[in-house]
Amino acid sequence: MGPWAFFAGLLASVMGMGKWQETGSPWWLGGSIALFVIVLVSGLASLGGGKKP
């Protein structure tokens, strides 16, 4: 995962949190948390073992 994709994912999850505060819908909250977890896991995975010889 490149740095631009990482920051784009973080921005999308923060925007989803803002939408959740506007609407109060649990779907926005769940989707934002799920996206945040996916971005963190893929970012950490690319840091750890993403290098090829």
Protein backbone atom coordinates (compact mmCIF):
# COMPACT_ATOMS: atom_id res chain seq x y z
CA MET A 1 0.00 0.00 0.00
CA GLY A 2 1.41 3.32 -1.00
CA PRO A 3 1.37 6.40 1.19
CA TRP A 4 -1.27 8.10 -0.96
CA ALA A 5 -3.64 5.14 -0.60
CA PHE A 6 -3.05 5.08 3.15
CA PHE A 7 -3.91 8.75 3.60
CA ALA A 8 -6.86 8.48 1.21
CA GLY A 9 -8.25 5.62 3.30
CA LEU A 10 -7.80 7.59 6.50
CA LEU A 11 -9.51 10.60 4.95
CA ALA A 12 -12.43 8.47 3.77
CA SER A 13 -12.89 6.96 7.23
CA VAL A 14 -12.82 10.41 8.88
CA MET A 15 -15.36 11.68 6.36
CA GLY A 16 -17.55 8.67 7.15
CA MET A 17 -17.37 9.51 10.85
CA GLY A 18 -18.54 13.05 10.04
CA LYS A 19 -21.44 11.65 8.03
CA TRP A 20 -22.32 9.40 10.96
CA GLN A 21 -22.47 12.43 13.28
CA GLU A 22 -24.75 14.23 10.81
CA THR A 23 -27.17 11.37 10.24
CA GLY A 24 -26.86 9.27 13.40
CA SER A 25 -27.09 6.12 11.27
CA PRO A 26 -25.24 3.09 12.67
CA TRP A 27 -24.37 2.01 9.11
CA TRP A 28 -22.07 5.00 8.63
CA LEU A 29 -20.37 4.26 11.94
CA GLY A 30 -19.87 0.58 11.14
CA GLY A 31 -18.60 1.28 7.65
CA SER A 32 -16.19 3.94 8.87
CA ILE A 33 -14.77 1.69 11.56
CA ALA A 34 -14.46 -1.22 9.12
CA LEU A 35 -12.66 0.97 6.58
CA PHE A 36 -10.32 2.29 9.26
CA VAL A 37 -9.44 -1.25 10.37
CA ILE A 38 -8.84 -2.37 6.77
CA VAL A 39 -6.56 0.60 6.12
CA LEU A 40 -4.57 -0.01 9.31
CA VAL A 41 -4.19 -3.75 8.71
CA SER A 42 -3.12 -3.33 5.10
CA GLY A 43 -0.74 -0.51 6.03
CA LEU A 44 0.89 -2.60 8.74
CA ALA A 45 1.05 -5.63 6.45
CA SER A 46 2.83 -3.65 3.74
CA LEU A 47 5.33 -2.36 6.31
CA GLY A 48 6.12 -5.80 7.66
CA GLY A 49 6.44 -8.17 4.74
CA GLY A 50 5.79 -6.29 1.54
CA LYS A 51 9.43 -6.28 0.42
CA LYS A 52 10.54 -8.69 -2.28
CA PRO A 53 14.19 -9.68 -2.76
